[in-house]
Amino acid sequence: MELLEKLRQAIERGHPNEAERLACTALDSRIDPLFIVDDAMMPAMRSVGERYKNDEADILRILAAARSVRICFELIEKRRLPFAQKHIGTIILGTIEGDLHDVGKNLVAIMFRSAGFRVVDLGVDISEKKFLKAVAETPDVSIVCISSLLSTTLPEMEQTVKALRRNDPKKRYRIMVGGGAVTRQAAEQMGADAYTENCVEAAEVAKTFIV
């Protein structure tokens, strides 16, 4: 469909105003929101993610594309138009307590959604207790993803990972960590199942945990 192709291209180019206009036109034309998401928004983010992975796009392009997608999602929600998207799994996501940075987390959330996951985004400054509460309230959780940009929050992240591990003796979910403060070695010492360096890798690794 030509309109959805134009929307996909607007998102890939990182033009949020154009993406919003095209999404509005699509909705006004009674195009199913599911088609807008599956045929334009998600393919665009996957494409930008692949370009970033191959060093063909910088972080600014990723941010602009992510903002375009977020605006389109908000537009659909504002009009209260549900879409029956099929999810491959559920991810609980949050930035650890003591850290208020959300750009990286938001990018990861977008990529998770583009990969087909339902994302429960807890926000920033999330304590161990809040992660445990979210897990208890989300019986279908597949993955818990914790991010941090500040090295001062690593002890809290480690404590949270260990608490989540103790809380899940049957290994109902996997634990992923990432962010500027985290290293692969630190992730292993914490007992996390995976560490990723960027949002594209995070989505790819998450999919490997889904059978």
N, C-alpha and C. Protein backbone atom coordinates (compact mmCIF):
# COMPACT_ATOMS: atom_id res chain seq x y z
N MET A 1 0.84 -1.18 0.00
CA MET A 1 0.00 0.00 0.00
C MET A 1 0.89 1.25 0.00
N GLU A 2 0.67 2.13 -0.95
CA GLU A 2 1.55 3.28 -1.14
C GLU A 2 1.65 4.17 0.09
N LEU A 3 0.52 4.40 0.76
CA LEU A 3 0.52 5.28 1.93
C LEU A 3 1.39 4.72 3.05
N LEU A 4 1.28 3.42 3.29
CA LEU A 4 2.07 2.80 4.35
C LEU A 4 3.55 2.76 3.98
N GLU A 5 3.84 2.64 2.71
CA GLU A 5 5.23 2.67 2.25
C GLU A 5 5.82 4.05 2.50
N LYS A 6 5.05 5.09 2.25
CA LYS A 6 5.51 6.46 2.51
C LYS A 6 5.74 6.67 4.01
N LEU A 7 4.87 6.09 4.83
CA LEU A 7 5.03 6.20 6.28
C LEU A 7 6.30 5.49 6.73
N ARG A 8 6.53 4.31 6.18
CA ARG A 8 7.74 3.57 6.52
C ARG A 8 8.98 4.39 6.17
N GLN A 9 8.99 5.00 5.01
CA GLN A 9 10.14 5.79 4.58
C GLN A 9 10.33 7.03 5.45
N ALA A 10 9.23 7.64 5.88
CA ALA A 10 9.32 8.83 6.74
C ALA A 10 9.95 8.46 8.08
N ILE A 11 9.58 7.31 8.61
CA ILE A 11 10.15 6.85 9.88
C ILE A 11 11.63 6.54 9.70
N GLU A 12 11.97 5.84 8.63
CA GLU A 12 13.37 5.50 8.39
C GLU A 12 14.23 6.74 8.23
N ARG A 13 13.68 7.78 7.62
CA ARG A 13 14.44 9.02 7.44
C ARG A 13 14.48 9.85 8.72
N GLY A 14 13.65 9.47 9.69
CA GLY A 14 13.63 10.20 10.95
C GLY A 14 12.90 11.53 10.86
N HIS A 15 11.73 11.53 10.18
CA HIS A 15 10.93 12.74 10.03
C HIS A 15 9.62 12.58 10.81
N PRO A 16 9.63 12.89 12.11
CA PRO A 16 8.44 12.65 12.94
C PRO A 16 7.20 13.41 12.50
N ASN A 17 7.36 14.65 12.05
CA ASN A 17 6.18 15.42 11.63
C ASN A 17 5.51 14.80 10.41
N GLU A 18 6.33 14.38 9.46
CA GLU A 18 5.79 13.73 8.27
C GLU A 18 5.16 12.39 8.62
N ALA A 19 5.83 11.66 9.54
CA ALA A 19 5.29 10.36 9.97
C ALA A 19 3.94 10.53 10.64
N GLU A 20 3.80 11.56 11.48
CA GLU A 20 2.54 11.81 12.15
C GLU A 20 1.44 12.16 11.14
N ARG A 21 1.78 12.98 10.16
CA ARG A 21 0.80 13.38 9.14
C ARG A 21 0.32 12.16 8.35
N LEU A 22 1.26 11.31 7.97
CA LEU A 22 0.90 10.13 7.18
C LEU A 22 0.11 9.13 8.02
N ALA A 23 0.47 9.00 9.30
CA ALA A 23 -0.27 8.09 10.18
C ALA A 23 -1.71 8.58 10.36
N CYS A 24 -1.87 9.90 10.49
CA CYS A 24 -3.21 10.49 10.60
C CYS A 24 -4.03 10.19 9.35
N THR A 25 -3.40 10.36 8.20
CA THR A 25 -4.08 10.10 6.93
C THR A 25 -4.50 8.64 6.84
N ALA A 26 -3.59 7.75 7.28
CA ALA A 26 -3.90 6.32 7.24
C ALA A 26 -5.09 5.99 8.14
N LEU A 27 -5.10 6.57 9.33
CA LEU A 27 -6.21 6.32 10.26
C LEU A 27 -7.52 6.92 9.73
N ASP A 28 -7.43 8.12 9.16
CA ASP A 28 -8.62 8.76 8.59
C ASP A 28 -9.17 7.96 7.41
N SER A 29 -8.27 7.23 6.76
CA SER A 29 -8.68 6.40 5.63
C SER A 29 -9.18 5.03 6.08
N ARG A 30 -9.30 4.86 7.40
CA ARG A 30 -9.80 3.63 8.01
C ARG A 30 -8.91 2.42 7.73
N ILE A 31 -7.62 2.67 7.61
CA ILE A 31 -6.66 1.56 7.51
C ILE A 31 -6.51 0.96 8.90
N ASP A 32 -6.58 -0.34 9.00
CA ASP A 32 -6.48 -1.04 10.28
C ASP A 32 -5.16 -0.68 10.97
N PRO A 33 -5.22 -0.24 12.24
CA PRO A 33 -3.99 0.09 12.97
C PRO A 33 -2.97 -1.05 12.97
N LEU A 34 -3.46 -2.29 12.92
CA LEU A 34 -2.56 -3.44 12.87
C LEU A 34 -1.68 -3.39 11.63
N PHE A 35 -2.27 -3.00 10.49
CA PHE A 35 -1.50 -2.89 9.25
C PHE A 35 -0.49 -1.74 9.35
N ILE A 36 -0.89 -0.65 9.99
CA ILE A 36 0.01 0.50 10.14
C ILE A 36 1.24 0.09 10.95
N VAL A 37 1.00 -0.66 12.02
CA VAL A 37 2.11 -1.10 12.87
C VAL A 37 2.97 -2.15 12.16
N ASP A 38 2.31 -3.19 11.64
CA ASP A 38 3.06 -4.33 11.08
C ASP A 38 3.70 -4.04 9.73
N ASP A 39 3.07 -3.18 8.91
CA ASP A 39 3.55 -2.96 7.54
C ASP A 39 4.36 -1.68 7.37
N ALA A 40 4.38 -0.82 8.39
CA ALA A 40 5.12 0.43 8.25
C ALA A 40 6.04 0.71 9.44
N MET A 41 5.47 0.77 10.64
CA MET A 41 6.24 1.19 11.80
C MET A 41 7.34 0.19 12.17
N MET A 42 6.96 -1.05 12.33
CA MET A 42 7.94 -2.06 12.75
C MET A 42 8.99 -2.35 11.68
N PRO A 43 8.60 -2.51 10.41
CA PRO A 43 9.63 -2.71 9.39
C PRO A 43 10.62 -1.56 9.32
N ALA A 44 10.14 -0.33 9.54
CA ALA A 44 11.03 0.83 9.51
C ALA A 44 12.07 0.76 10.62
N MET A 45 11.63 0.41 11.84
CA MET A 45 12.57 0.33 12.96
C MET A 45 13.55 -0.82 12.78
N ARG A 46 13.07 -1.92 12.21
CA ARG A 46 13.99 -3.04 11.96
C ARG A 46 15.06 -2.63 10.96
N SER A 47 14.64 -1.90 9.93
CA SER A 47 15.58 -1.45 8.90
C SER A 47 16.62 -0.50 9.48
N VAL A 48 16.16 0.47 10.27
CA VAL A 48 17.09 1.43 10.88
C VAL A 48 18.02 0.70 11.84
N GLY A 49 17.47 -0.26 12.58
CA GLY A 49 18.29 -1.02 13.51
C GLY A 49 19.39 -1.79 12.81
N GLU A 50 19.06 -2.39 11.68
CA GLU A 50 20.06 -3.13 10.91
C GLU A 50 21.13 -2.19 10.37
N ARG A 51 20.72 -1.00 9.92
CA ARG A 51 21.69 -0.03 9.41
C ARG A 51 22.64 0.42 10.51
N TYR A 52 22.07 0.61 11.71
CA TYR A 52 22.90 1.01 12.85
C TYR A 52 23.90 -0.10 13.19
N LYS A 53 23.42 -1.32 13.18
CA LYS A 53 24.28 -2.47 13.47
C LYS A 53 25.42 -2.57 12.47
N ASN A 54 25.15 -2.23 11.22
CA ASN A 54 26.16 -2.31 10.16
C ASN A 54 26.93 -1.00 9.97
N ASP A 55 26.80 -0.10 10.96
CA ASP A 55 27.50 1.20 10.92
C ASP A 55 27.09 2.06 9.74
N GLU A 56 25.85 1.89 9.29
CA GLU A 56 25.34 2.69 8.17
C GLU A 56 24.40 3.80 8.65
N ALA A 57 24.16 3.85 9.97
CA ALA A 57 23.32 4.89 10.56
C ALA A 57 23.83 5.20 11.96
N ASP A 58 23.77 6.47 12.36
CA ASP A 58 24.26 6.84 13.68
C ASP A 58 23.12 6.87 14.70
N ILE A 59 23.48 7.17 15.95
CA ILE A 59 22.51 7.16 17.03
C ILE A 59 21.43 8.22 16.83
N LEU A 60 21.79 9.33 16.17
CA LEU A 60 20.81 10.38 15.93
C LEU A 60 19.69 9.90 15.01
N ARG A 61 20.05 9.08 14.02
CA ARG A 61 19.03 8.52 13.12
C ARG A 61 18.12 7.56 13.89
N ILE A 62 18.72 6.76 14.78
CA ILE A 62 17.94 5.84 15.60
C ILE A 62 16.96 6.62 16.47
N LEU A 63 17.44 7.68 17.10
CA LEU A 63 16.60 8.49 17.98
C LEU A 63 15.44 9.13 17.22
N ALA A 64 15.75 9.66 16.04
CA ALA A 64 14.72 10.30 15.23
C ALA A 64 13.67 9.30 14.77
N ALA A 65 14.12 8.11 14.38
CA ALA A 65 13.18 7.07 13.94
C ALA A 65 12.34 6.60 15.11
N ALA A 66 12.97 6.45 16.27
CA ALA A 66 12.25 6.00 17.46
C ALA A 66 11.20 7.03 17.88
N ARG A 67 11.55 8.31 17.76
CA ARG A 67 10.58 9.37 18.09
C ARG A 67 9.40 9.32 17.13
N SER A 68 9.68 9.08 15.86
CA SER A 68 8.62 8.99 14.86
C SER A 68 7.66 7.85 15.18
N VAL A 69 8.23 6.70 15.56
CA VAL A 69 7.41 5.55 15.90
C VAL A 69 6.59 5.81 17.16
N ARG A 70 7.22 6.44 18.15
CA ARG A 70 6.51 6.74 19.40
C ARG A 70 5.32 7.65 19.14
N ILE A 71 5.50 8.65 18.27
CA ILE A 71 4.41 9.56 17.94
C ILE A 71 3.26 8.81 17.29
N CYS A 72 3.60 7.87 16.41
CA CYS A 72 2.55 7.09 15.73
C CYS A 72 1.80 6.21 16.72
N PHE A 73 2.54 5.56 17.65
CA PHE A 73 1.89 4.74 18.66
C PHE A 73 0.95 5.60 19.51
N GLU A 74 1.44 6.78 19.91
CA GLU A 74 0.63 7.67 20.75
C GLU A 74 -0.62 8.14 20.02
N LEU A 75 -0.49 8.33 18.71
CA LEU A 75 -1.63 8.76 17.91
C LEU A 75 -2.70 7.68 17.88
N ILE A 76 -2.28 6.44 17.70
CA ILE A 76 -3.22 5.32 17.69
C ILE A 76 -3.91 5.20 19.04
N GLU A 77 -3.11 5.32 20.13
CA GLU A 77 -3.68 5.20 21.47
C GLU A 77 -4.62 6.37 21.78
N LYS A 78 -4.25 7.58 21.31
CA LYS A 78 -5.06 8.76 21.56
C LYS A 78 -6.44 8.60 20.95
N ARG A 79 -6.47 7.98 19.78
CA ARG A 79 -7.76 7.76 19.11
C ARG A 79 -8.48 6.52 19.64
N ARG A 80 -7.80 5.88 20.60
CA ARG A 80 -8.39 4.69 21.23
C ARG A 80 -8.74 3.63 20.19
N LEU A 81 -7.79 3.37 19.34
CA LEU A 81 -8.00 2.37 18.30
C LEU A 81 -7.13 1.15 18.61
N PRO A 82 -7.69 0.12 19.16
CA PRO A 82 -6.91 -1.07 19.51
C PRO A 82 -6.47 -1.84 18.28
N PHE A 83 -5.36 -2.52 18.39
CA PHE A 83 -4.92 -3.39 17.29
C PHE A 83 -4.46 -4.71 17.89
N ALA A 84 -4.92 -5.79 17.28
CA ALA A 84 -4.67 -7.13 17.82
C ALA A 84 -3.32 -7.66 17.38
N GLN A 85 -2.27 -7.08 17.91
CA GLN A 85 -0.92 -7.52 17.55
C GLN A 85 -0.59 -8.83 18.27
N LYS A 86 -0.01 -9.77 17.57
CA LYS A 86 0.40 -11.02 18.19
C LYS A 86 1.80 -10.85 18.78
N HIS A 87 1.94 -11.15 20.06
CA HIS A 87 3.22 -10.98 20.75
C HIS A 87 3.92 -12.31 20.91
N ILE A 88 5.24 -12.30 20.78
CA ILE A 88 6.02 -13.53 20.93
C ILE A 88 6.46 -13.72 22.38
N GLY A 89 6.29 -12.70 23.21
CA GLY A 89 6.68 -12.80 24.60
C GLY A 89 6.49 -11.46 25.29
N THR A 90 6.65 -11.45 26.62
CA THR A 90 6.49 -10.23 27.40
C THR A 90 7.79 -9.88 28.11
N ILE A 91 8.17 -8.61 28.02
CA ILE A 91 9.40 -8.14 28.64
C ILE A 91 9.08 -7.04 29.65
N ILE A 92 9.62 -7.19 30.85
CA ILE A 92 9.57 -6.12 31.85
C ILE A 92 10.87 -5.35 31.75
N LEU A 93 10.76 -4.04 31.60
CA LEU A 93 11.94 -3.20 31.33
C LEU A 93 11.97 -2.01 32.27
N GLY A 94 13.17 -1.67 32.76
CA GLY A 94 13.29 -0.49 33.59
C GLY A 94 14.74 -0.09 33.83
N THR A 95 14.94 1.18 34.15
CA THR A 95 16.26 1.67 34.53
C THR A 95 16.38 1.55 36.05
N ILE A 96 17.51 1.07 36.51
CA ILE A 96 17.69 0.73 37.91
C ILE A 96 17.59 1.94 38.84
N GLU A 97 17.27 1.69 40.09
CA GLU A 97 17.14 2.73 41.10
C GLU A 97 18.42 3.58 41.20
N GLY A 98 18.24 4.89 41.24
CA GLY A 98 19.38 5.80 41.32
C GLY A 98 19.78 6.37 39.98
N ASP A 99 19.16 5.89 38.91
CA ASP A 99 19.49 6.35 37.55
C ASP A 99 18.22 6.86 36.88
N LEU A 100 18.26 8.11 36.42
CA LEU A 100 17.08 8.73 35.79
C LEU A 100 17.19 8.80 34.27
N HIS A 101 18.20 8.18 33.70
CA HIS A 101 18.39 8.21 32.24
C HIS A 101 17.39 7.27 31.56
N ASP A 102 16.77 7.73 30.49
CA ASP A 102 15.78 6.90 29.83
C ASP A 102 15.93 6.78 28.32
N VAL A 103 16.88 7.49 27.72
CA VAL A 103 17.00 7.44 26.26
C VAL A 103 17.33 6.03 25.79
N GLY A 104 18.35 5.42 26.39
CA GLY A 104 18.73 4.07 26.00
C GLY A 104 17.61 3.08 26.24
N LYS A 105 16.97 3.20 27.39
CA LYS A 105 15.85 2.31 27.73
C LYS A 105 14.72 2.45 26.71
N ASN A 106 14.42 3.68 26.35
CA ASN A 106 13.33 3.90 25.39
C ASN A 106 13.65 3.32 24.02
N LEU A 107 14.91 3.42 23.61
CA LEU A 107 15.31 2.82 22.33
C LEU A 107 15.17 1.31 22.37
N VAL A 108 15.60 0.72 23.48
CA VAL A 108 15.49 -0.73 23.63
C VAL A 108 14.02 -1.15 23.59
N ALA A 109 13.17 -0.36 24.25
CA ALA A 109 11.73 -0.67 24.26
C ALA A 109 11.16 -0.67 22.85
N ILE A 110 11.55 0.32 22.07
CA ILE A 110 11.09 0.39 20.68
C ILE A 110 11.54 -0.83 19.89
N MET A 111 12.78 -1.23 20.06
CA MET A 111 13.30 -2.38 19.32
C MET A 111 12.65 -3.67 19.79
N PHE A 112 12.38 -3.79 21.08
CA PHE A 112 11.67 -4.97 21.57
C PHE A 112 10.29 -5.06 20.94
N ARG A 113 9.58 -3.93 20.91
CA ARG A 113 8.24 -3.93 20.31
C ARG A 113 8.32 -4.25 18.82
N SER A 114 9.36 -3.74 18.16
CA SER A 114 9.53 -4.01 16.73
C SER A 114 9.80 -5.48 16.48
N ALA A 115 10.40 -6.15 17.47
CA ALA A 115 10.71 -7.57 17.34
C ALA A 115 9.49 -8.44 17.66
N GLY A 116 8.42 -7.81 18.16
CA GLY A 116 7.19 -8.54 18.42
C GLY A 116 6.88 -8.80 19.88
N PHE A 117 7.63 -8.18 20.78
CA PHE A 117 7.39 -8.37 22.21
C PHE A 117 6.38 -7.36 22.75
N ARG A 118 5.66 -7.77 23.77
CA ARG A 118 4.88 -6.82 24.57
C ARG A 118 5.82 -6.31 25.64
N VAL A 119 5.89 -5.00 25.81
CA VAL A 119 6.83 -4.40 26.75
C VAL A 119 6.10 -3.73 27.90
N VAL A 120 6.45 -4.14 29.11
CA VAL A 120 5.96 -3.47 30.32
C VAL A 120 7.09 -2.55 30.77
N ASP A 121 6.98 -1.27 30.44
CA ASP A 121 8.03 -0.31 30.73
C ASP A 121 7.77 0.33 32.09
N LEU A 122 8.62 0.00 33.05
CA LEU A 122 8.44 0.51 34.41
C LEU A 122 8.94 1.93 34.58
N GLY A 123 9.79 2.39 33.64
CA GLY A 123 10.33 3.74 33.73
C GLY A 123 11.73 3.77 34.29
N VAL A 124 12.07 4.83 35.02
CA VAL A 124 13.43 5.01 35.56
C VAL A 124 13.40 5.00 37.09
N ASP A 125 14.60 4.85 37.67
CA ASP A 125 14.74 4.86 39.13
C ASP A 125 13.90 3.74 39.76
N ILE A 126 14.01 2.54 39.19
CA ILE A 126 13.18 1.41 39.63
C ILE A 126 13.94 0.54 40.63
N SER A 127 13.35 0.38 41.79
CA SER A 127 13.98 -0.37 42.87
C SER A 127 13.81 -1.88 42.69
N GLU A 128 14.56 -2.62 43.50
CA GLU A 128 14.44 -4.08 43.51
C GLU A 128 13.01 -4.50 43.80
N LYS A 129 12.38 -3.86 44.77
CA LYS A 129 11.02 -4.20 45.14
C LYS A 129 10.03 -3.98 43.99
N LYS A 130 10.24 -2.91 43.23
CA LYS A 130 9.34 -2.62 42.11
C LYS A 130 9.50 -3.65 41.00
N PHE A 131 10.75 -4.10 40.76
CA PHE A 131 10.95 -5.15 39.75
C PHE A 131 10.26 -6.44 40.20
N LEU A 132 10.44 -6.80 41.47
CA LEU A 132 9.83 -8.02 41.98
C LEU A 132 8.31 -7.93 41.94
N LYS A 133 7.76 -6.75 42.26
CA LYS A 133 6.31 -6.55 42.21
C LYS A 133 5.80 -6.70 40.79
N ALA A 134 6.54 -6.13 39.82
CA ALA A 134 6.13 -6.21 38.42
C ALA A 134 6.13 -7.66 37.94
N VAL A 135 7.13 -8.42 38.34
CA VAL A 135 7.21 -9.83 37.97
C VAL A 135 6.02 -10.60 38.55
N ALA A 136 5.69 -10.31 39.80
CA ALA A 136 4.57 -10.99 40.45
C ALA A 136 3.25 -10.66 39.76
N GLU A 137 3.14 -9.45 39.21
CA GLU A 137 1.90 -9.01 38.58
C GLU A 137 1.85 -9.34 37.09
N THR A 138 2.93 -9.93 36.56
CA THR A 138 2.99 -10.24 35.13
C THR A 138 3.29 -11.73 34.95
N PRO A 139 2.30 -12.58 35.06
CA PRO A 139 2.52 -14.03 35.02
C PRO A 139 3.11 -14.55 33.72
N ASP A 140 2.94 -13.80 32.63
CA ASP A 140 3.46 -14.27 31.34
C ASP A 140 4.83 -13.67 31.00
N VAL A 141 5.51 -13.10 31.97
CA VAL A 141 6.80 -12.47 31.69
C VAL A 141 7.80 -13.49 31.17
N SER A 142 8.51 -13.11 30.11
CA SER A 142 9.53 -13.97 29.51
C SER A 142 10.94 -13.49 29.87
N ILE A 143 11.08 -12.17 29.94
CA ILE A 143 12.40 -11.56 30.16
C ILE A 143 12.26 -10.34 31.05
N VAL A 144 13.22 -10.15 31.95
CA VAL A 144 13.33 -8.92 32.73
C VAL A 144 14.60 -8.23 32.28
N CYS A 145 14.48 -6.99 31.83
CA CYS A 145 15.61 -6.25 31.28
C CYS A 145 15.88 -5.01 32.15
N ILE A 146 17.12 -4.89 32.64
CA ILE A 146 17.49 -3.79 33.52
C ILE A 146 18.62 -3.00 32.89
N SER A 147 18.48 -1.66 32.89
CA SER A 147 19.51 -0.83 32.29
C SER A 147 20.09 0.14 33.31
N SER A 148 21.31 0.62 33.02
CA SER A 148 21.95 1.61 33.87
C SER A 148 23.04 2.33 33.10
N LEU A 149 23.09 3.64 33.28
CA LEU A 149 24.14 4.43 32.65
C LEU A 149 25.19 4.87 33.66
N LEU A 150 24.83 4.81 34.95
CA LEU A 150 25.71 5.30 36.01
C LEU A 150 26.40 4.14 36.73
N SER A 151 27.72 4.21 36.85
CA SER A 151 28.48 3.15 37.52
C SER A 151 28.11 3.06 39.00
N THR A 152 27.65 4.16 39.57
CA THR A 152 27.29 4.16 40.99
C THR A 152 26.08 3.28 41.29
N THR A 153 25.32 2.93 40.25
CA THR A 153 24.12 2.12 40.47
C THR A 153 24.37 0.62 40.26
N LEU A 154 25.58 0.24 39.92
CA LEU A 154 25.88 -1.18 39.66
C LEU A 154 25.61 -2.07 40.87
N PRO A 155 25.95 -1.63 42.09
CA PRO A 155 25.62 -2.48 43.25
C PRO A 155 24.12 -2.74 43.37
N GLU A 156 23.31 -1.73 43.10
CA GLU A 156 21.85 -1.90 43.15
C GLU A 156 21.39 -2.84 42.05
N MET A 157 21.99 -2.73 40.87
CA MET A 157 21.63 -3.63 39.78
C MET A 157 21.98 -5.07 40.15
N GLU A 158 23.15 -5.27 40.71
CA GLU A 158 23.57 -6.62 41.09
C GLU A 158 22.62 -7.20 42.14
N GLN A 159 22.26 -6.40 43.11
CA GLN A 159 21.35 -6.84 44.15
C GLN A 159 19.99 -7.22 43.57
N THR A 160 19.53 -6.42 42.60
CA THR A 160 18.24 -6.68 41.97
C THR A 160 18.28 -7.96 41.14
N VAL A 161 19.36 -8.15 40.39
CA VAL A 161 19.49 -9.37 39.59
C VAL A 161 19.47 -10.60 40.49
N LYS A 162 20.20 -10.55 41.59
CA LYS A 162 20.25 -11.69 42.50
C LYS A 162 18.89 -11.94 43.15
N ALA A 163 18.17 -10.85 43.47
CA ALA A 163 16.84 -11.00 44.06
C ALA A 163 15.88 -11.63 43.06
N LEU A 164 15.96 -11.19 41.81
CA LEU A 164 15.11 -11.77 40.77
C LEU A 164 15.44 -13.24 40.55
N ARG A 165 16.72 -13.58 40.64
CA ARG A 165 17.13 -14.96 40.47
C ARG A 165 16.60 -15.83 41.61
N ARG A 166 16.70 -15.33 42.84
CA ARG A 166 16.17 -16.08 43.99
C ARG A 166 14.66 -16.24 43.90
N ASN A 167 14.02 -15.24 43.32
CA ASN A 167 12.57 -15.23 43.21
C ASN A 167 12.05 -16.19 42.13
N ASP A 168 12.96 -16.71 41.32
CA ASP A 168 12.55 -17.50 40.15
C ASP A 168 13.31 -18.83 40.09
N PRO A 169 13.12 -19.71 41.06
CA PRO A 169 13.86 -20.97 41.09
C PRO A 169 13.57 -21.88 39.89
N LYS A 170 12.39 -21.72 39.30
CA LYS A 170 12.03 -22.56 38.16
C LYS A 170 12.42 -21.92 36.83
N LYS A 171 13.12 -20.78 36.90
CA LYS A 171 13.58 -20.07 35.70
C LYS A 171 12.45 -19.79 34.72
N ARG A 172 11.42 -19.12 35.25
CA ARG A 172 10.28 -18.73 34.43
C ARG A 172 10.66 -17.65 33.44
N TYR A 173 11.64 -16.82 33.80
CA TYR A 173 12.06 -15.72 32.93
C TYR A 173 13.57 -15.60 32.90
N ARG A 174 14.06 -14.94 31.87
CA ARG A 174 15.49 -14.65 31.74
C ARG A 174 15.75 -13.21 32.17
N ILE A 175 17.00 -12.93 32.55
CA ILE A 175 17.38 -11.60 33.00
C ILE A 175 18.44 -11.04 32.06
N MET A 176 18.15 -9.86 31.50
CA MET A 176 19.09 -9.17 30.63
C MET A 176 19.49 -7.84 31.27
N VAL A 177 20.76 -7.45 31.09
CA VAL A 177 21.23 -6.16 31.60
C VAL A 177 21.99 -5.44 30.50
N GLY A 178 22.06 -4.12 30.61
CA GLY A 178 22.77 -3.33 29.61
C GLY A 178 22.86 -1.88 30.03
N GLY A 179 23.53 -1.09 29.22
CA GLY A 179 23.71 0.33 29.52
C GLY A 179 25.18 0.67 29.63
N GLY A 180 25.46 1.97 29.61
CA GLY A 180 26.84 2.43 29.59
C GLY A 180 27.67 2.02 30.78
N ALA A 181 27.05 1.73 31.92
CA ALA A 181 27.80 1.39 33.11
C ALA A 181 28.13 -0.10 33.20
N VAL A 182 27.50 -0.90 32.36
CA VAL A 182 27.59 -2.35 32.49
C VAL A 182 28.61 -2.92 31.50
N THR A 183 29.31 -3.96 31.94
CA THR A 183 30.22 -4.70 31.07
C THR A 183 29.78 -6.16 31.06
N ARG A 184 30.29 -6.90 30.10
CA ARG A 184 29.94 -8.32 30.02
C ARG A 184 30.41 -9.06 31.28
N GLN A 185 31.59 -8.70 31.74
CA GLN A 185 32.13 -9.33 32.95
C GLN A 185 31.24 -9.05 34.16
N ALA A 186 30.81 -7.79 34.29
CA ALA A 186 29.94 -7.42 35.41
C ALA A 186 28.62 -8.17 35.34
N ALA A 187 28.09 -8.31 34.13
CA ALA A 187 26.82 -9.02 33.95
C ALA A 187 26.95 -10.48 34.39
N GLU A 188 28.05 -11.10 34.03
CA GLU A 188 28.28 -12.49 34.42
C GLU A 188 28.41 -12.63 35.92
N GLN A 189 29.11 -11.69 36.55
CA GLN A 189 29.28 -11.73 37.99
C GLN A 189 27.96 -11.56 38.72
N MET A 190 27.06 -10.75 38.14
CA MET A 190 25.74 -10.54 38.75
C MET A 190 24.87 -11.78 38.66
N GLY A 191 25.12 -12.58 37.62
CA GLY A 191 24.28 -13.74 37.38
C GLY A 191 23.21 -13.51 36.34
N ALA A 192 23.37 -12.45 35.54
CA ALA A 192 22.41 -12.17 34.46
C ALA A 192 22.57 -13.20 33.35
N ASP A 193 21.50 -13.42 32.60
CA ASP A 193 21.54 -14.38 31.50
C ASP A 193 22.18 -13.78 30.25
N ALA A 194 22.14 -12.46 30.13
CA ALA A 194 22.68 -11.84 28.92
C ALA A 194 23.05 -10.39 29.17
N TYR A 195 24.04 -9.94 28.42
CA TYR A 195 24.44 -8.53 28.39
C TYR A 195 24.51 -8.11 26.94
N THR A 196 23.98 -6.95 26.62
CA THR A 196 24.06 -6.45 25.25
C THR A 196 24.55 -5.01 25.25
N GLU A 197 25.21 -4.62 24.17
CA GLU A 197 25.83 -3.30 24.09
C GLU A 197 24.93 -2.24 23.47
N ASN A 198 23.92 -2.66 22.72
CA ASN A 198 23.05 -1.68 22.06
C ASN A 198 21.65 -2.23 21.88
N CYS A 199 20.74 -1.36 21.43
CA CYS A 199 19.33 -1.73 21.34
C CYS A 199 19.06 -2.80 20.29
N VAL A 200 19.82 -2.79 19.21
CA VAL A 200 19.62 -3.78 18.16
C VAL A 200 20.00 -5.16 18.66
N GLU A 201 21.15 -5.25 19.31
CA GLU A 201 21.61 -6.53 19.85
C GLU A 201 20.65 -7.02 20.93
N ALA A 202 20.10 -6.10 21.73
CA ALA A 202 19.18 -6.48 22.80
C ALA A 202 17.97 -7.22 22.23
N ALA A 203 17.41 -6.69 21.15
CA ALA A 203 16.24 -7.33 20.54
C ALA A 203 16.60 -8.70 19.96
N GLU A 204 17.77 -8.79 19.35
CA GLU A 204 18.19 -10.07 18.75
C GLU A 204 18.41 -11.14 19.82
N VAL A 205 19.06 -10.75 20.91
CA VAL A 205 19.31 -11.70 21.99
C VAL A 205 18.00 -12.11 22.64
N ALA A 206 17.10 -11.16 22.85
CA ALA A 206 15.80 -11.46 23.46
C ALA A 206 15.05 -12.53 22.67
N LYS A 207 15.11 -12.44 21.35
CA LYS A 207 14.40 -13.42 20.52
C LYS A 207 14.96 -14.83 20.67
N THR A 208 16.26 -14.94 21.01
CA THR A 208 16.84 -16.27 21.18
C THR A 208 16.32 -16.96 22.44
N PHE A 209 15.76 -16.20 23.37
CA PHE A 209 15.25 -16.77 24.60
C PHE A 209 13.81 -17.29 24.44
N ILE A 210 13.21 -17.00 23.30
CA ILE A 210 11.83 -17.41 23.07
C ILE A 210 11.81 -18.66 22.20
N VAL A 211 11.30 -19.73 22.74
CA VAL A 211 11.26 -21.00 21.99
C VAL A 211 9.99 -21.08 21.15
